[in-house]
Amino acid sequence: MTLLKSKILMMIGNDIIDRGYACKESNWRRKGFLKKIFTPCEQELIHGASDPFTTVWRLWSMKESAYKLFMHTGVERFFNPRRLSCEFSSSEEGLVNIEALQIHTRSKIHPKFIFTSASSICRVETMDHVFNLSKTDPRFQSKFTHRAMLECIAQKYHLNKEKLYIRKSDQSVPEVFYGKQRLNISVSMTHHGYHGAFSICERKFIPQ
């Protein structure tokens, strides 16, 4: 399959939560927070969990990664976390439903972070890289993450790094170009606190 094929059939998204940063900066126990962000079923998962903190931020990362994927469909951007309904399939895998689309997620629960990747088909192989960041400045984080991902793409596909660049669609979906041609890969980037990550996946035909 050529990297320069243009049709989009595989979609991915990702999100990372710095556990220490979230603990310090976000009070999920404040009045009204859970009802604003989570569906009644998700709230039951949180209240019944042995570790509600981890459950809250795993669900959040599932919603955020699925939202990024959903933007590939061309819809307008929105903020309504309850529109995305999450459920756990296992300690790592989950499902997010939004309208007619079912999104598959896989979460890594680490002592320092929670990382979730989302895909439009089950158990798709993605290249995920998680790394530490030395600063919490958003501009620094974005630039660092972009550069790290392009270096990875250049190495994996034996491309000239100087010809690679990222352009965002009208829905703010990142797309990677080599010269004037868009590469046939789906990518997603994320950063929070002192952690960042990117995911790369070759676009494939989805069996009907």
N, C-alpha and C. Protein backbone atom coordinates (compact mmCIF):
# COMPACT_ATOMS: atom_id res chain seq x y z
N MET A 1 0.85 -1.21 0.00
CA MET A 1 0.00 0.00 0.00
C MET A 1 0.88 1.25 0.00
N THR A 2 0.70 2.12 -0.94
CA THR A 2 1.51 3.32 -1.02
C THR A 2 1.14 4.33 0.06
N LEU A 3 2.15 5.02 0.56
CA LEU A 3 1.91 6.05 1.57
C LEU A 3 1.21 7.26 1.00
N LEU A 4 1.24 7.41 -0.33
CA LEU A 4 0.70 8.62 -0.94
C LEU A 4 -0.73 8.44 -1.43
N LYS A 5 -1.35 7.33 -1.09
CA LYS A 5 -2.75 7.12 -1.45
C LYS A 5 -3.61 8.04 -0.59
N SER A 6 -4.60 8.68 -1.17
CA SER A 6 -5.26 9.79 -0.47
C SER A 6 -6.52 9.41 0.30
N LYS A 7 -7.17 8.30 -0.05
CA LYS A 7 -8.47 8.02 0.57
C LYS A 7 -8.32 7.65 2.04
N ILE A 8 -9.13 8.28 2.90
CA ILE A 8 -9.05 8.05 4.34
C ILE A 8 -10.07 7.00 4.74
N LEU A 9 -9.58 5.87 5.27
CA LEU A 9 -10.49 4.85 5.76
C LEU A 9 -10.16 4.42 7.19
N MET A 10 -8.92 4.61 7.61
CA MET A 10 -8.52 4.31 8.97
C MET A 10 -8.37 5.64 9.73
N MET A 11 -8.95 5.69 10.92
CA MET A 11 -8.89 6.91 11.72
C MET A 11 -8.41 6.56 13.12
N ILE A 12 -7.58 7.43 13.70
CA ILE A 12 -7.12 7.23 15.06
C ILE A 12 -7.16 8.55 15.83
N GLY A 13 -7.06 8.44 17.14
CA GLY A 13 -6.96 9.59 18.02
C GLY A 13 -6.22 9.15 19.27
N ASN A 14 -5.73 10.08 20.06
CA ASN A 14 -5.08 9.70 21.31
C ASN A 14 -5.18 10.81 22.35
N ASP A 15 -4.85 10.46 23.58
CA ASP A 15 -4.85 11.44 24.66
C ASP A 15 -3.98 10.93 25.80
N ILE A 16 -3.33 11.85 26.49
CA ILE A 16 -2.53 11.48 27.64
C ILE A 16 -2.87 12.38 28.83
N ILE A 17 -2.89 11.79 30.00
CA ILE A 17 -3.14 12.51 31.24
C ILE A 17 -1.92 12.33 32.14
N ASP A 18 -1.31 13.43 32.55
CA ASP A 18 -0.26 13.40 33.56
C ASP A 18 -0.95 13.28 34.92
N ARG A 19 -0.81 12.15 35.59
CA ARG A 19 -1.56 11.88 36.81
C ARG A 19 -1.23 12.90 37.91
N GLY A 20 0.04 13.20 38.08
CA GLY A 20 0.43 14.16 39.10
C GLY A 20 -0.09 15.55 38.80
N TYR A 21 -0.03 15.95 37.54
CA TYR A 21 -0.50 17.27 37.13
C TYR A 21 -2.01 17.37 37.29
N ALA A 22 -2.72 16.31 36.92
CA ALA A 22 -4.18 16.30 37.05
C ALA A 22 -4.59 16.37 38.52
N CYS A 23 -3.85 15.68 39.38
CA CYS A 23 -4.15 15.69 40.81
C CYS A 23 -3.99 17.08 41.38
N LYS A 24 -3.01 17.81 40.88
CA LYS A 24 -2.71 19.15 41.39
C LYS A 24 -3.60 20.22 40.78
N GLU A 25 -3.91 20.09 39.50
CA GLU A 25 -4.58 21.17 38.77
C GLU A 25 -6.09 20.98 38.60
N SER A 26 -6.60 19.77 38.74
CA SER A 26 -8.02 19.51 38.44
C SER A 26 -8.70 18.81 39.62
N ASN A 27 -9.72 19.45 40.16
CA ASN A 27 -10.48 18.87 41.26
C ASN A 27 -11.75 18.21 40.71
N TRP A 28 -11.65 16.93 40.40
CA TRP A 28 -12.78 16.24 39.79
C TRP A 28 -13.93 16.03 40.78
N ARG A 29 -13.65 16.24 42.06
CA ARG A 29 -14.69 16.07 43.08
C ARG A 29 -15.54 17.32 43.28
N ARG A 30 -15.18 18.41 42.60
CA ARG A 30 -15.94 19.64 42.81
C ARG A 30 -17.38 19.47 42.33
N LYS A 31 -18.25 20.22 42.93
CA LYS A 31 -19.68 20.09 42.68
C LYS A 31 -20.02 20.28 41.20
N GLY A 32 -20.75 19.34 40.66
CA GLY A 32 -21.25 19.45 39.29
C GLY A 32 -20.32 18.92 38.22
N PHE A 33 -19.05 18.65 38.57
CA PHE A 33 -18.09 18.24 37.54
C PHE A 33 -18.48 16.92 36.89
N LEU A 34 -18.75 15.90 37.70
CA LEU A 34 -19.06 14.58 37.14
C LEU A 34 -20.32 14.61 36.28
N LYS A 35 -21.34 15.33 36.73
CA LYS A 35 -22.60 15.39 35.97
C LYS A 35 -22.42 16.12 34.65
N LYS A 36 -21.52 17.08 34.61
CA LYS A 36 -21.29 17.85 33.39
C LYS A 36 -20.52 17.04 32.35
N ILE A 37 -19.61 16.19 32.81
CA ILE A 37 -18.70 15.49 31.90
C ILE A 37 -19.14 14.08 31.56
N PHE A 38 -19.74 13.38 32.53
CA PHE A 38 -19.97 11.94 32.38
C PHE A 38 -21.44 11.57 32.37
N THR A 39 -21.76 10.53 31.60
CA THR A 39 -23.13 10.02 31.53
C THR A 39 -23.47 9.33 32.86
N PRO A 40 -24.75 9.07 33.13
CA PRO A 40 -25.12 8.35 34.36
C PRO A 40 -24.41 7.01 34.52
N CYS A 41 -24.27 6.25 33.43
CA CYS A 41 -23.58 4.96 33.50
C CYS A 41 -22.10 5.14 33.83
N GLU A 42 -21.49 6.16 33.27
CA GLU A 42 -20.09 6.44 33.56
C GLU A 42 -19.92 6.87 35.01
N GLN A 43 -20.85 7.65 35.52
CA GLN A 43 -20.80 8.06 36.92
C GLN A 43 -20.90 6.85 37.85
N GLU A 44 -21.69 5.86 37.47
CA GLU A 44 -21.78 4.63 38.26
C GLU A 44 -20.44 3.90 38.27
N LEU A 45 -19.76 3.87 37.13
CA LEU A 45 -18.44 3.25 37.08
C LEU A 45 -17.47 3.94 38.03
N ILE A 46 -17.54 5.27 38.06
CA ILE A 46 -16.64 6.04 38.92
C ILE A 46 -16.93 5.79 40.40
N HIS A 47 -18.20 5.88 40.77
CA HIS A 47 -18.57 5.73 42.18
C HIS A 47 -18.34 4.30 42.68
N GLY A 48 -18.40 3.32 41.78
CA GLY A 48 -18.20 1.94 42.18
C GLY A 48 -16.77 1.45 42.07
N ALA A 49 -15.87 2.32 41.62
CA ALA A 49 -14.49 1.91 41.39
C ALA A 49 -13.67 1.91 42.68
N SER A 50 -12.72 0.99 42.76
CA SER A 50 -11.80 0.98 43.90
C SER A 50 -10.81 2.13 43.82
N ASP A 51 -10.59 2.64 42.61
CA ASP A 51 -9.71 3.79 42.39
C ASP A 51 -10.45 4.79 41.50
N PRO A 52 -11.33 5.60 42.09
CA PRO A 52 -12.13 6.53 41.27
C PRO A 52 -11.29 7.55 40.52
N PHE A 53 -10.16 7.97 41.07
CA PHE A 53 -9.30 8.94 40.38
C PHE A 53 -8.86 8.39 39.02
N THR A 54 -8.35 7.16 39.02
CA THR A 54 -7.90 6.54 37.77
C THR A 54 -9.07 6.34 36.81
N THR A 55 -10.21 5.96 37.34
CA THR A 55 -11.39 5.74 36.49
C THR A 55 -11.84 7.03 35.82
N VAL A 56 -11.87 8.13 36.59
CA VAL A 56 -12.24 9.43 36.04
C VAL A 56 -11.35 9.79 34.86
N TRP A 57 -10.04 9.68 35.04
CA TRP A 57 -9.13 10.16 34.00
C TRP A 57 -8.96 9.16 32.87
N ARG A 58 -9.21 7.88 33.13
CA ARG A 58 -9.25 6.94 32.01
C ARG A 58 -10.45 7.25 31.12
N LEU A 59 -11.61 7.46 31.73
CA LEU A 59 -12.80 7.81 30.96
C LEU A 59 -12.58 9.11 30.18
N TRP A 60 -11.99 10.10 30.84
CA TRP A 60 -11.73 11.37 30.17
C TRP A 60 -10.82 11.16 28.96
N SER A 61 -9.75 10.39 29.12
CA SER A 61 -8.83 10.17 28.01
C SER A 61 -9.48 9.37 26.88
N MET A 62 -10.41 8.48 27.23
CA MET A 62 -11.17 7.76 26.21
C MET A 62 -12.03 8.74 25.41
N LYS A 63 -12.70 9.64 26.10
CA LYS A 63 -13.55 10.62 25.42
C LYS A 63 -12.73 11.53 24.52
N GLU A 64 -11.60 12.00 25.04
CA GLU A 64 -10.79 12.94 24.28
C GLU A 64 -10.17 12.28 23.05
N SER A 65 -9.66 11.07 23.21
CA SER A 65 -9.07 10.38 22.05
C SER A 65 -10.13 10.05 21.01
N ALA A 66 -11.32 9.65 21.46
CA ALA A 66 -12.41 9.34 20.53
C ALA A 66 -12.90 10.61 19.83
N TYR A 67 -12.93 11.72 20.56
CA TYR A 67 -13.34 13.00 19.96
C TYR A 67 -12.39 13.38 18.83
N LYS A 68 -11.08 13.22 19.06
CA LYS A 68 -10.11 13.53 18.01
C LYS A 68 -10.35 12.66 16.77
N LEU A 69 -10.64 11.39 17.00
CA LEU A 69 -10.95 10.51 15.87
C LEU A 69 -12.21 10.97 15.15
N PHE A 70 -13.23 11.32 15.92
CA PHE A 70 -14.52 11.72 15.35
C PHE A 70 -14.37 12.95 14.45
N MET A 71 -13.40 13.81 14.74
CA MET A 71 -13.17 15.00 13.93
C MET A 71 -12.75 14.63 12.50
N HIS A 72 -12.23 13.42 12.31
CA HIS A 72 -11.85 12.97 10.96
C HIS A 72 -13.07 12.87 10.04
N THR A 73 -14.26 12.71 10.62
CA THR A 73 -15.46 12.52 9.80
C THR A 73 -15.96 13.83 9.19
N GLY A 74 -15.35 14.96 9.58
CA GLY A 74 -15.72 16.24 8.99
C GLY A 74 -16.76 17.03 9.76
N VAL A 75 -17.14 16.57 10.95
CA VAL A 75 -18.13 17.30 11.74
C VAL A 75 -17.52 18.57 12.31
N GLU A 76 -18.38 19.51 12.70
CA GLU A 76 -17.90 20.73 13.33
C GLU A 76 -17.45 20.44 14.76
N ARG A 77 -16.46 21.18 15.22
CA ARG A 77 -15.96 21.00 16.57
C ARG A 77 -17.04 21.35 17.59
N PHE A 78 -17.01 20.67 18.73
CA PHE A 78 -18.01 20.90 19.77
C PHE A 78 -17.42 20.53 21.12
N PHE A 79 -18.05 21.03 22.20
CA PHE A 79 -17.68 20.59 23.54
C PHE A 79 -18.92 20.08 24.23
N ASN A 80 -19.05 18.77 24.27
CA ASN A 80 -20.16 18.10 24.94
C ASN A 80 -19.71 16.69 25.28
N PRO A 81 -18.90 16.54 26.34
CA PRO A 81 -18.33 15.23 26.68
C PRO A 81 -19.37 14.14 26.87
N ARG A 82 -20.57 14.50 27.33
CA ARG A 82 -21.60 13.49 27.55
C ARG A 82 -22.14 12.92 26.23
N ARG A 83 -21.85 13.58 25.13
CA ARG A 83 -22.25 13.09 23.82
C ARG A 83 -21.49 11.81 23.46
N LEU A 84 -20.35 11.63 24.08
CA LEU A 84 -19.55 10.43 23.87
C LEU A 84 -19.75 9.51 25.07
N SER A 85 -20.26 8.32 24.83
CA SER A 85 -20.60 7.38 25.89
C SER A 85 -19.56 6.25 25.95
N CYS A 86 -18.96 6.07 27.13
CA CYS A 86 -17.86 5.11 27.28
C CYS A 86 -18.27 3.88 28.07
N GLU A 87 -17.63 2.77 27.74
CA GLU A 87 -17.77 1.56 28.54
C GLU A 87 -16.45 0.80 28.52
N PHE A 88 -16.18 0.05 29.59
CA PHE A 88 -14.95 -0.72 29.68
C PHE A 88 -15.19 -2.15 29.18
N SER A 89 -14.29 -2.65 28.35
CA SER A 89 -14.34 -4.04 27.92
C SER A 89 -13.40 -4.90 28.75
N SER A 90 -12.31 -4.29 29.21
CA SER A 90 -11.32 -4.97 30.05
C SER A 90 -10.54 -3.90 30.79
N SER A 91 -9.47 -4.31 31.46
CA SER A 91 -8.66 -3.34 32.20
C SER A 91 -7.92 -2.38 31.26
N GLU A 92 -7.84 -2.72 29.98
CA GLU A 92 -7.16 -1.87 29.01
C GLU A 92 -8.07 -1.41 27.88
N GLU A 93 -8.93 -2.29 27.40
CA GLU A 93 -9.74 -1.98 26.23
C GLU A 93 -11.11 -1.41 26.60
N GLY A 94 -11.64 -0.58 25.70
CA GLY A 94 -12.94 0.02 25.94
C GLY A 94 -13.61 0.40 24.63
N LEU A 95 -14.84 0.88 24.75
CA LEU A 95 -15.63 1.33 23.60
C LEU A 95 -16.18 2.71 23.89
N VAL A 96 -16.21 3.55 22.86
CA VAL A 96 -16.84 4.86 22.94
C VAL A 96 -17.85 4.95 21.81
N ASN A 97 -19.07 5.27 22.15
CA ASN A 97 -20.13 5.40 21.14
C ASN A 97 -20.51 6.86 20.98
N ILE A 98 -20.56 7.30 19.74
CA ILE A 98 -21.04 8.64 19.44
C ILE A 98 -21.84 8.56 18.14
N GLU A 99 -23.12 8.87 18.24
CA GLU A 99 -24.04 8.74 17.11
C GLU A 99 -23.94 7.31 16.56
N ALA A 100 -23.69 7.13 15.28
CA ALA A 100 -23.67 5.78 14.70
C ALA A 100 -22.28 5.15 14.72
N LEU A 101 -21.31 5.86 15.27
CA LEU A 101 -19.93 5.40 15.23
C LEU A 101 -19.52 4.76 16.55
N GLN A 102 -18.95 3.56 16.48
CA GLN A 102 -18.39 2.90 17.66
C GLN A 102 -16.87 2.92 17.53
N ILE A 103 -16.23 3.46 18.55
CA ILE A 103 -14.78 3.66 18.54
C ILE A 103 -14.13 2.75 19.58
N HIS A 104 -13.05 2.10 19.18
CA HIS A 104 -12.34 1.18 20.06
C HIS A 104 -11.17 1.91 20.72
N THR A 105 -10.99 1.69 22.02
CA THR A 105 -9.90 2.35 22.73
C THR A 105 -9.04 1.33 23.47
N ARG A 106 -7.79 1.71 23.66
CA ARG A 106 -6.86 0.91 24.45
C ARG A 106 -6.09 1.87 25.36
N SER A 107 -6.16 1.64 26.66
CA SER A 107 -5.56 2.55 27.64
C SER A 107 -4.39 1.88 28.36
N LYS A 108 -3.33 2.64 28.53
CA LYS A 108 -2.19 2.19 29.34
C LYS A 108 -2.23 2.97 30.65
N ILE A 109 -2.39 2.24 31.75
CA ILE A 109 -2.44 2.87 33.07
C ILE A 109 -1.05 2.76 33.70
N HIS A 110 -0.36 3.88 33.77
CA HIS A 110 1.00 3.94 34.29
C HIS A 110 0.97 4.75 35.59
N PRO A 111 1.88 4.49 36.53
CA PRO A 111 1.88 5.27 37.77
C PRO A 111 1.96 6.78 37.55
N LYS A 112 2.56 7.21 36.43
CA LYS A 112 2.72 8.64 36.19
C LYS A 112 1.78 9.21 35.13
N PHE A 113 1.16 8.36 34.33
CA PHE A 113 0.28 8.87 33.28
C PHE A 113 -0.76 7.83 32.89
N ILE A 114 -1.80 8.31 32.20
CA ILE A 114 -2.79 7.45 31.56
C ILE A 114 -2.79 7.82 30.08
N PHE A 115 -2.51 6.85 29.24
CA PHE A 115 -2.46 7.10 27.80
C PHE A 115 -3.50 6.23 27.11
N THR A 116 -4.31 6.86 26.26
CA THR A 116 -5.33 6.12 25.51
C THR A 116 -5.19 6.39 24.02
N SER A 117 -5.25 5.32 23.24
CA SER A 117 -5.31 5.44 21.78
C SER A 117 -6.67 4.93 21.32
N ALA A 118 -7.23 5.59 20.33
CA ALA A 118 -8.55 5.23 19.80
C ALA A 118 -8.42 4.91 18.32
N SER A 119 -9.21 3.93 17.87
CA SER A 119 -9.18 3.56 16.45
C SER A 119 -10.57 3.22 15.97
N SER A 120 -10.75 3.31 14.67
CA SER A 120 -12.06 3.07 14.07
C SER A 120 -12.35 1.59 13.89
N ILE A 121 -11.34 0.73 14.04
CA ILE A 121 -11.56 -0.71 14.02
C ILE A 121 -10.85 -1.33 15.21
N CYS A 122 -11.28 -2.52 15.59
CA CYS A 122 -10.78 -3.16 16.81
C CYS A 122 -9.34 -3.67 16.64
N ARG A 123 -8.55 -3.44 17.67
CA ARG A 123 -7.19 -3.97 17.77
C ARG A 123 -6.31 -3.61 16.58
N VAL A 124 -6.47 -2.44 16.06
CA VAL A 124 -5.59 -2.00 14.99
C VAL A 124 -4.20 -1.74 15.57
N GLU A 125 -3.17 -2.00 14.78
CA GLU A 125 -1.81 -1.78 15.24
C GLU A 125 -1.41 -0.33 14.98
N THR A 126 -1.11 0.38 16.05
CA THR A 126 -0.63 1.75 15.93
C THR A 126 0.77 1.84 16.52
N MET A 127 1.55 2.78 16.03
CA MET A 127 2.86 3.05 16.59
C MET A 127 2.68 4.18 17.60
N ASP A 128 2.74 3.85 18.87
CA ASP A 128 2.53 4.83 19.94
C ASP A 128 3.86 5.12 20.64
N HIS A 129 4.14 6.40 20.82
CA HIS A 129 5.34 6.82 21.54
C HIS A 129 4.93 7.77 22.66
N VAL A 130 5.32 7.44 23.88
CA VAL A 130 5.08 8.30 25.04
C VAL A 130 6.43 8.78 25.54
N PHE A 131 6.52 10.06 25.90
CA PHE A 131 7.80 10.62 26.32
C PHE A 131 7.59 11.69 27.38
N ASN A 132 8.68 12.03 28.07
CA ASN A 132 8.65 13.08 29.08
C ASN A 132 8.87 14.43 28.44
N LEU A 133 8.29 15.45 29.04
CA LEU A 133 8.48 16.83 28.60
C LEU A 133 9.10 17.63 29.74
N SER A 134 10.01 18.51 29.41
CA SER A 134 10.72 19.27 30.44
C SER A 134 9.99 20.53 30.87
N LYS A 135 8.99 20.96 30.06
CA LYS A 135 8.25 22.19 30.35
C LYS A 135 6.76 21.95 30.15
N THR A 136 5.95 22.77 30.82
CA THR A 136 4.50 22.68 30.65
C THR A 136 3.96 23.77 29.73
N ASP A 137 4.85 24.55 29.15
CA ASP A 137 4.43 25.59 28.21
C ASP A 137 3.83 24.94 26.96
N PRO A 138 2.57 25.25 26.62
CA PRO A 138 1.90 24.59 25.49
C PRO A 138 2.62 24.74 24.16
N ARG A 139 3.21 25.90 23.90
CA ARG A 139 3.89 26.11 22.62
C ARG A 139 5.13 25.22 22.53
N PHE A 140 5.88 25.15 23.63
CA PHE A 140 7.05 24.27 23.65
C PHE A 140 6.62 22.82 23.45
N GLN A 141 5.57 22.40 24.16
CA GLN A 141 5.10 21.02 24.07
C GLN A 141 4.66 20.66 22.66
N SER A 142 3.91 21.56 22.03
CA SER A 142 3.42 21.31 20.68
C SER A 142 4.58 21.18 19.69
N LYS A 143 5.53 22.10 19.78
CA LYS A 143 6.67 22.08 18.87
C LYS A 143 7.51 20.81 19.08
N PHE A 144 7.75 20.46 20.33
CA PHE A 144 8.54 19.26 20.64
C PHE A 144 7.87 18.01 20.10
N THR A 145 6.55 17.91 20.33
CA THR A 145 5.80 16.73 19.90
C THR A 145 5.77 16.61 18.38
N HIS A 146 5.54 17.73 17.70
CA HIS A 146 5.54 17.74 16.23
C HIS A 146 6.89 17.25 15.70
N ARG A 147 7.95 17.81 16.25
CA ARG A 147 9.29 17.46 15.76
C ARG A 147 9.60 15.98 16.01
N ALA A 148 9.24 15.49 17.20
CA ALA A 148 9.51 14.08 17.53
C ALA A 148 8.75 13.15 16.59
N MET A 149 7.51 13.49 16.28
CA MET A 149 6.72 12.63 15.40
C MET A 149 7.26 12.63 13.98
N LEU A 150 7.63 13.80 13.47
CA LEU A 150 8.16 13.87 12.10
C LEU A 150 9.48 13.12 11.99
N GLU A 151 10.30 13.19 13.02
CA GLU A 151 11.56 12.43 13.02
C GLU A 151 11.28 10.93 12.98
N CYS A 152 10.27 10.50 13.71
CA CYS A 152 9.89 9.08 13.72
C CYS A 152 9.39 8.63 12.35
N ILE A 153 8.55 9.46 11.72
CA ILE A 153 8.02 9.14 10.39
C ILE A 153 9.14 9.07 9.36
N ALA A 154 10.06 10.04 9.43
CA ALA A 154 11.18 10.06 8.49
C ALA A 154 12.02 8.79 8.61
N GLN A 155 12.25 8.37 9.83
CA GLN A 155 13.06 7.17 10.06
C GLN A 155 12.32 5.91 9.62
N LYS A 156 11.04 5.80 9.97
CA LYS A 156 10.28 4.58 9.66
C LYS A 156 10.11 4.38 8.16
N TYR A 157 9.83 5.47 7.44
CA TYR A 157 9.53 5.35 6.01
C TYR A 157 10.69 5.80 5.11
N HIS A 158 11.86 6.06 5.71
CA HIS A 158 13.06 6.42 4.96
C HIS A 158 12.81 7.66 4.08
N LEU A 159 12.32 8.70 4.73
CA LEU A 159 12.02 9.94 4.03
C LEU A 159 12.95 11.06 4.51
N ASN A 160 13.09 12.07 3.67
CA ASN A 160 13.88 13.25 4.03
C ASN A 160 13.08 14.08 5.03
N LYS A 161 13.58 14.19 6.25
CA LYS A 161 12.85 14.89 7.31
C LYS A 161 12.55 16.34 6.94
N GLU A 162 13.43 16.96 6.16
CA GLU A 162 13.26 18.37 5.81
C GLU A 162 12.05 18.60 4.91
N LYS A 163 11.58 17.56 4.23
CA LYS A 163 10.42 17.71 3.34
C LYS A 163 9.10 17.38 4.04
N LEU A 164 9.16 16.92 5.28
CA LEU A 164 7.95 16.57 6.03
C LEU A 164 7.42 17.77 6.79
N TYR A 165 6.11 17.91 6.80
CA TYR A 165 5.49 18.95 7.61
C TYR A 165 4.05 18.56 7.93
N ILE A 166 3.49 19.25 8.91
CA ILE A 166 2.13 18.96 9.37
C ILE A 166 1.22 20.12 9.00
N ARG A 167 0.07 19.78 8.44
CA ARG A 167 -0.95 20.79 8.13
C ARG A 167 -2.26 20.32 8.75
N LYS A 168 -3.01 21.25 9.33
CA LYS A 168 -4.27 20.89 9.96
C LYS A 168 -5.45 21.17 9.03
N SER A 169 -6.43 20.27 9.08
CA SER A 169 -7.64 20.43 8.28
C SER A 169 -8.53 21.49 8.92
N ASP A 170 -9.67 21.76 8.29
CA ASP A 170 -10.62 22.73 8.84
C ASP A 170 -11.15 22.29 10.21
N GLN A 171 -11.10 20.99 10.48
CA GLN A 171 -11.55 20.46 11.78
C GLN A 171 -10.38 20.29 12.75
N SER A 172 -9.22 20.89 12.38
CA SER A 172 -8.00 20.83 13.20
C SER A 172 -7.43 19.42 13.31
N VAL A 173 -7.71 18.58 12.32
CA VAL A 173 -7.12 17.24 12.28
C VAL A 173 -5.73 17.34 11.64
N PRO A 174 -4.68 16.87 12.32
CA PRO A 174 -3.34 16.95 11.73
C PRO A 174 -3.16 15.98 10.58
N GLU A 175 -2.55 16.46 9.51
CA GLU A 175 -2.23 15.63 8.35
C GLU A 175 -0.77 15.85 8.00
N VAL A 176 -0.08 14.78 7.64
CA VAL A 176 1.35 14.86 7.35
C VAL A 176 1.57 14.89 5.84
N PHE A 177 2.37 15.85 5.42
CA PHE A 177 2.68 16.01 4.00
C PHE A 177 4.17 15.79 3.76
N TYR A 178 4.46 15.24 2.60
CA TYR A 178 5.84 15.10 2.13
C TYR A 178 5.94 15.89 0.83
N GLY A 179 6.55 17.05 0.91
CA GLY A 179 6.48 17.96 -0.22
C GLY A 179 5.04 18.44 -0.38
N LYS A 180 4.45 18.23 -1.56
CA LYS A 180 3.07 18.65 -1.80
C LYS A 180 2.06 17.52 -1.63
N GLN A 181 2.52 16.33 -1.28
CA GLN A 181 1.63 15.17 -1.23
C GLN A 181 1.35 14.75 0.21
N ARG A 182 0.09 14.46 0.48
CA ARG A 182 -0.30 13.99 1.80
C ARG A 182 0.04 12.52 1.95
N LEU A 183 0.65 12.16 3.05
CA LEU A 183 0.98 10.76 3.29
C LEU A 183 -0.26 9.99 3.70
N ASN A 184 -0.29 8.73 3.34
CA ASN A 184 -1.44 7.89 3.64
C ASN A 184 -1.31 7.29 5.05
N ILE A 185 -1.18 8.16 6.03
CA ILE A 185 -1.11 7.75 7.43
C ILE A 185 -2.04 8.64 8.24
N SER A 186 -2.56 8.07 9.31
CA SER A 186 -3.37 8.82 10.26
C SER A 186 -2.51 9.05 11.49
N VAL A 187 -2.51 10.28 12.00
CA VAL A 187 -1.66 10.60 13.16
C VAL A 187 -2.48 11.34 14.21
N SER A 188 -2.00 11.27 15.44
CA SER A 188 -2.61 12.03 16.52
C SER A 188 -1.52 12.38 17.53
N MET A 189 -1.61 13.57 18.10
CA MET A 189 -0.62 14.04 19.08
C MET A 189 -1.32 14.55 20.32
N THR A 190 -0.64 14.44 21.45
CA THR A 190 -1.23 14.86 22.71
C THR A 190 -0.13 15.23 23.70
N HIS A 191 -0.43 16.14 24.61
CA HIS A 191 0.50 16.47 25.69
C HIS A 191 -0.29 17.03 26.86
N HIS A 192 0.21 16.74 28.06
CA HIS A 192 -0.44 17.22 29.29
C HIS A 192 0.59 17.14 30.41
N GLY A 193 0.70 18.22 31.16
CA GLY A 193 1.67 18.22 32.25
C GLY A 193 3.08 18.02 31.73
N TYR A 194 3.74 16.99 32.23
CA TYR A 194 5.11 16.70 31.81
C TYR A 194 5.22 15.45 30.95
N HIS A 195 4.13 15.13 30.26
CA HIS A 195 4.14 13.96 29.37
C HIS A 195 3.52 14.31 28.02
N GLY A 196 4.04 13.70 26.99
CA GLY A 196 3.50 13.87 25.65
C GLY A 196 3.48 12.53 24.93
N ALA A 197 2.78 12.46 23.81
CA ALA A 197 2.71 11.22 23.04
C ALA A 197 2.25 11.51 21.62
N PHE A 198 2.59 10.60 20.72
CA PHE A 198 2.01 10.64 19.38
C PHE A 198 1.73 9.22 18.93
N SER A 199 0.78 9.10 18.01
CA SER A 199 0.38 7.81 17.44
C SER A 199 0.38 7.91 15.93
N ILE A 200 0.81 6.84 15.27
CA ILE A 200 0.87 6.79 13.81
C ILE A 200 0.26 5.48 13.34
N CYS A 201 -0.54 5.56 12.29
CA CYS A 201 -1.15 4.34 11.75
C CYS A 201 -1.34 4.51 10.25
N GLU A 202 -0.97 3.47 9.48
CA GLU A 202 -1.23 3.51 8.05
C GLU A 202 -2.71 3.34 7.80
N ARG A 203 -3.27 4.13 6.90
CA ARG A 203 -4.69 4.03 6.58
C ARG A 203 -4.95 2.78 5.77
N LYS A 204 -6.02 2.07 6.14
CA LYS A 204 -6.35 0.81 5.47
C LYS A 204 -7.82 0.77 5.14
N PHE A 205 -8.19 -0.12 4.23
CA PHE A 205 -9.59 -0.34 3.92
C PHE A 205 -10.24 -1.09 5.06
N ILE A 206 -11.41 -0.64 5.49
CA ILE A 206 -12.15 -1.30 6.56
C ILE A 206 -13.07 -2.34 5.95
N PRO A 207 -12.94 -3.62 6.32
CA PRO A 207 -13.81 -4.66 5.76
C PRO A 207 -15.27 -4.38 6.06
N GLN A 208 -16.15 -4.63 5.11
CA GLN A 208 -17.59 -4.41 5.30
C GLN A 208 -18.25 -5.69 5.79
